[in-house]
Amino acid sequence: MSNRRILAQSGAFILYGIDPFKDLFFSYKIEETSFIVPQKTKEPIRKALANLDINESTLFPEIDKAAARIKNQYKKKWGIG
């Protein structure tokens, strides 16, 4: 629980192979799903996530990501760059 990124993303480590001879049973199968997000919908999705305080600096809490978000906020607000 000391990794800030894992905490920010509500992540976890999965350990396997501790007892390779023990059979594991899962009541459901996890299936991979993929979908394409059209370019024109990305900005509205980012804005909706930002309203929920989900953004690059909350998912990746390192100082460089937080600084980049603040810099971009001021660029947008003041029309700089």
N, C-alpha and C. Protein backbone atom coordinates (compact mmCIF):
# COMPACT_ATOMS: atom_id res chain seq x y z
N MET A 1 0.82 -1.20 0.00
CA MET A 1 0.00 0.00 0.00
C MET A 1 0.86 1.27 0.00
N SER A 2 2.13 1.15 -0.33
CA SER A 2 3.00 2.32 -0.33
C SER A 2 3.19 2.91 -1.73
N ASN A 3 2.64 2.28 -2.76
CA ASN A 3 2.79 2.77 -4.11
C ASN A 3 1.63 3.71 -4.43
N ARG A 4 1.92 5.00 -4.61
CA ARG A 4 0.87 6.00 -4.81
C ARG A 4 0.06 5.75 -6.07
N ARG A 5 0.70 5.27 -7.12
CA ARG A 5 -0.02 5.02 -8.37
C ARG A 5 -1.05 3.90 -8.19
N ILE A 6 -0.65 2.84 -7.52
CA ILE A 6 -1.58 1.73 -7.29
C ILE A 6 -2.74 2.20 -6.42
N LEU A 7 -2.45 2.99 -5.40
CA LEU A 7 -3.53 3.53 -4.56
C LEU A 7 -4.45 4.44 -5.35
N ALA A 8 -3.90 5.32 -6.17
CA ALA A 8 -4.71 6.26 -6.94
C ALA A 8 -5.62 5.55 -7.93
N GLN A 9 -5.16 4.44 -8.46
CA GLN A 9 -5.94 3.70 -9.46
C GLN A 9 -6.78 2.59 -8.82
N SER A 10 -6.80 2.53 -7.50
CA SER A 10 -7.48 1.44 -6.78
C SER A 10 -7.01 0.09 -7.31
N GLY A 11 -5.71 0.00 -7.52
CA GLY A 11 -5.12 -1.21 -8.10
C GLY A 11 -4.72 -2.21 -7.04
N ALA A 12 -4.22 -3.33 -7.51
CA ALA A 12 -3.78 -4.40 -6.61
C ALA A 12 -2.78 -5.27 -7.35
N PHE A 13 -2.03 -6.03 -6.59
CA PHE A 13 -1.14 -7.03 -7.16
C PHE A 13 -1.85 -8.37 -7.06
N ILE A 14 -1.66 -9.17 -8.07
CA ILE A 14 -2.22 -10.52 -8.05
C ILE A 14 -1.05 -11.49 -7.97
N LEU A 15 -1.09 -12.32 -6.96
CA LEU A 15 -0.05 -13.33 -6.78
C LEU A 15 -0.58 -14.67 -7.26
N TYR A 16 0.21 -15.33 -8.05
CA TYR A 16 -0.18 -16.65 -8.50
C TYR A 16 1.05 -17.54 -8.52
N GLY A 17 0.81 -18.80 -8.59
CA GLY A 17 1.92 -19.74 -8.65
C GLY A 17 2.52 -20.09 -7.31
N ILE A 18 1.89 -19.66 -6.24
CA ILE A 18 2.41 -19.98 -4.91
C ILE A 18 2.33 -21.48 -4.67
N ASP A 19 1.21 -22.07 -5.01
CA ASP A 19 1.03 -23.51 -4.90
C ASP A 19 0.58 -24.02 -6.27
N PRO A 20 1.52 -24.37 -7.14
CA PRO A 20 1.16 -24.73 -8.51
C PRO A 20 0.31 -25.99 -8.63
N PHE A 21 0.21 -26.79 -7.58
CA PHE A 21 -0.56 -28.03 -7.65
C PHE A 21 -1.99 -27.85 -7.15
N LYS A 22 -2.30 -26.67 -6.65
CA LYS A 22 -3.64 -26.42 -6.13
C LYS A 22 -4.52 -25.91 -7.26
N ASP A 23 -5.67 -26.54 -7.46
CA ASP A 23 -6.60 -26.10 -8.50
C ASP A 23 -7.40 -24.91 -7.98
N LEU A 24 -7.55 -23.92 -8.83
CA LEU A 24 -8.34 -22.76 -8.48
C LEU A 24 -9.66 -22.81 -9.23
N PHE A 25 -10.72 -22.40 -8.57
CA PHE A 25 -12.03 -22.37 -9.20
C PHE A 25 -12.57 -20.95 -9.14
N PHE A 26 -12.96 -20.43 -10.27
CA PHE A 26 -13.59 -19.12 -10.34
C PHE A 26 -15.02 -19.32 -10.82
N SER A 27 -15.94 -18.66 -10.16
CA SER A 27 -17.36 -18.85 -10.50
C SER A 27 -17.74 -18.15 -11.80
N TYR A 28 -16.87 -17.34 -12.34
CA TYR A 28 -17.16 -16.67 -13.60
C TYR A 28 -15.88 -16.55 -14.42
N LYS A 29 -16.05 -16.42 -15.70
CA LYS A 29 -14.91 -16.29 -16.59
C LYS A 29 -14.75 -14.82 -16.97
N ILE A 30 -13.55 -14.33 -16.90
CA ILE A 30 -13.26 -12.96 -17.30
C ILE A 30 -12.91 -12.98 -18.78
N GLU A 31 -13.69 -12.27 -19.56
CA GLU A 31 -13.44 -12.23 -21.00
C GLU A 31 -12.93 -10.86 -21.39
N GLU A 32 -12.00 -10.85 -22.29
CA GLU A 32 -11.43 -9.60 -22.78
C GLU A 32 -12.40 -8.95 -23.77
N THR A 33 -12.58 -7.65 -23.60
CA THR A 33 -13.45 -6.89 -24.49
C THR A 33 -12.69 -5.65 -24.94
N SER A 34 -12.84 -5.31 -26.18
CA SER A 34 -12.21 -4.08 -26.66
C SER A 34 -13.22 -3.29 -27.48
N PHE A 35 -13.02 -2.00 -27.51
CA PHE A 35 -13.88 -1.14 -28.32
C PHE A 35 -13.08 0.08 -28.74
N ILE A 36 -13.51 0.68 -29.82
CA ILE A 36 -12.83 1.85 -30.37
C ILE A 36 -13.59 3.10 -29.96
N VAL A 37 -12.87 4.07 -29.42
CA VAL A 37 -13.46 5.35 -29.05
C VAL A 37 -13.19 6.31 -30.20
N PRO A 38 -14.25 6.78 -30.87
CA PRO A 38 -14.05 7.71 -31.98
C PRO A 38 -13.38 9.00 -31.51
N GLN A 39 -12.53 9.56 -32.34
CA GLN A 39 -11.77 10.76 -32.01
C GLN A 39 -12.67 11.89 -31.51
N LYS A 40 -13.82 12.09 -32.15
CA LYS A 40 -14.69 13.22 -31.79
C LYS A 40 -15.33 13.07 -30.40
N THR A 41 -15.32 11.87 -29.85
CA THR A 41 -15.92 11.68 -28.52
C THR A 41 -14.91 11.72 -27.38
N LYS A 42 -13.62 11.75 -27.72
CA LYS A 42 -12.60 11.70 -26.67
C LYS A 42 -12.63 12.92 -25.76
N GLU A 43 -12.73 14.11 -26.31
CA GLU A 43 -12.72 15.32 -25.47
C GLU A 43 -13.93 15.37 -24.54
N PRO A 44 -15.16 15.09 -25.03
CA PRO A 44 -16.29 15.06 -24.09
C PRO A 44 -16.14 14.01 -22.99
N ILE A 45 -15.55 12.88 -23.32
CA ILE A 45 -15.31 11.85 -22.30
C ILE A 45 -14.30 12.35 -21.28
N ARG A 46 -13.22 12.99 -21.75
CA ARG A 46 -12.21 13.54 -20.82
C ARG A 46 -12.84 14.59 -19.91
N LYS A 47 -13.71 15.43 -20.45
CA LYS A 47 -14.36 16.46 -19.63
C LYS A 47 -15.27 15.83 -18.58
N ALA A 48 -16.01 14.80 -18.98
CA ALA A 48 -16.89 14.11 -18.03
C ALA A 48 -16.07 13.45 -16.92
N LEU A 49 -14.96 12.83 -17.28
CA LEU A 49 -14.08 12.22 -16.28
C LEU A 49 -13.47 13.29 -15.37
N ALA A 50 -13.09 14.43 -15.94
CA ALA A 50 -12.53 15.53 -15.13
C ALA A 50 -13.54 16.02 -14.11
N ASN A 51 -14.82 16.04 -14.48
CA ASN A 51 -15.86 16.43 -13.53
C ASN A 51 -15.95 15.47 -12.35
N LEU A 52 -15.50 14.25 -12.56
CA LEU A 52 -15.46 13.24 -11.49
C LEU A 52 -14.09 13.19 -10.82
N ASP A 53 -13.23 14.16 -11.15
CA ASP A 53 -11.87 14.25 -10.64
C ASP A 53 -11.02 13.04 -11.05
N ILE A 54 -11.26 12.57 -12.26
CA ILE A 54 -10.45 11.51 -12.83
C ILE A 54 -9.69 12.14 -13.99
N ASN A 55 -8.38 12.25 -13.82
CA ASN A 55 -7.54 12.85 -14.85
C ASN A 55 -6.15 12.26 -14.75
N GLU A 56 -5.27 12.69 -15.63
CA GLU A 56 -3.93 12.13 -15.67
C GLU A 56 -3.20 12.27 -14.33
N SER A 57 -3.38 13.39 -13.66
CA SER A 57 -2.64 13.58 -12.41
C SER A 57 -3.24 12.81 -11.23
N THR A 58 -4.52 12.42 -11.31
CA THR A 58 -5.07 11.59 -10.23
C THR A 58 -4.77 10.12 -10.48
N LEU A 59 -4.66 9.72 -11.75
CA LEU A 59 -4.31 8.33 -12.05
C LEU A 59 -2.82 8.07 -11.91
N PHE A 60 -2.02 9.10 -12.25
CA PHE A 60 -0.57 9.00 -12.17
C PHE A 60 -0.08 10.13 -11.27
N PRO A 61 -0.07 9.92 -9.94
CA PRO A 61 0.15 11.02 -8.99
C PRO A 61 1.59 11.53 -8.87
N GLU A 62 2.46 11.13 -9.76
CA GLU A 62 3.82 11.65 -9.69
C GLU A 62 3.81 13.16 -9.97
N ILE A 63 4.78 13.85 -9.46
CA ILE A 63 4.81 15.31 -9.51
C ILE A 63 4.80 15.85 -10.94
N ASP A 64 5.45 15.17 -11.88
CA ASP A 64 5.48 15.67 -13.25
C ASP A 64 4.11 15.67 -13.89
N LYS A 65 3.27 14.70 -13.57
CA LYS A 65 1.91 14.65 -14.12
C LYS A 65 1.04 15.75 -13.51
N ALA A 66 1.17 15.97 -12.22
CA ALA A 66 0.42 17.03 -11.56
C ALA A 66 0.83 18.39 -12.11
N ALA A 67 2.12 18.59 -12.30
CA ALA A 67 2.61 19.86 -12.84
C ALA A 67 2.12 20.09 -14.26
N ALA A 68 2.10 19.03 -15.07
CA ALA A 68 1.62 19.16 -16.45
C ALA A 68 0.14 19.52 -16.49
N ARG A 69 -0.66 18.94 -15.59
CA ARG A 69 -2.09 19.25 -15.55
C ARG A 69 -2.31 20.72 -15.18
N ILE A 70 -1.59 21.19 -14.19
CA ILE A 70 -1.71 22.60 -13.77
C ILE A 70 -1.29 23.52 -14.90
N LYS A 71 -0.19 23.20 -15.56
CA LYS A 71 0.30 24.00 -16.68
C LYS A 71 -0.74 24.07 -17.79
N ASN A 72 -1.34 22.92 -18.13
CA ASN A 72 -2.35 22.89 -19.19
C ASN A 72 -3.61 23.66 -18.80
N GLN A 73 -3.97 23.61 -17.53
CA GLN A 73 -5.14 24.38 -17.05
C GLN A 73 -4.93 25.87 -17.30
N TYR A 74 -3.77 26.37 -16.95
CA TYR A 74 -3.49 27.79 -17.12
C TYR A 74 -3.33 28.16 -18.59
N LYS A 75 -2.79 27.26 -19.39
CA LYS A 75 -2.68 27.52 -20.82
C LYS A 75 -4.07 27.71 -21.44
N LYS A 76 -5.00 26.83 -21.08
CA LYS A 76 -6.37 26.91 -21.59
C LYS A 76 -7.07 28.18 -21.08
N LYS A 77 -6.89 28.46 -19.80
CA LYS A 77 -7.58 29.60 -19.19
C LYS A 77 -7.11 30.91 -19.78
N TRP A 78 -5.81 31.05 -20.00
CA TRP A 78 -5.25 32.32 -20.45
C TRP A 78 -4.92 32.33 -21.94
N GLY A 79 -5.23 31.22 -22.64
CA GLY A 79 -4.98 31.18 -24.07
C GLY A 79 -3.51 31.23 -24.44
N ILE A 80 -2.68 30.64 -23.60
CA ILE A 80 -1.23 30.65 -23.82
C ILE A 80 -0.86 29.35 -24.54
N GLY A 81 0.03 29.45 -25.50
CA GLY A 81 0.57 28.27 -26.18
C GLY A 81 -0.44 27.65 -27.03
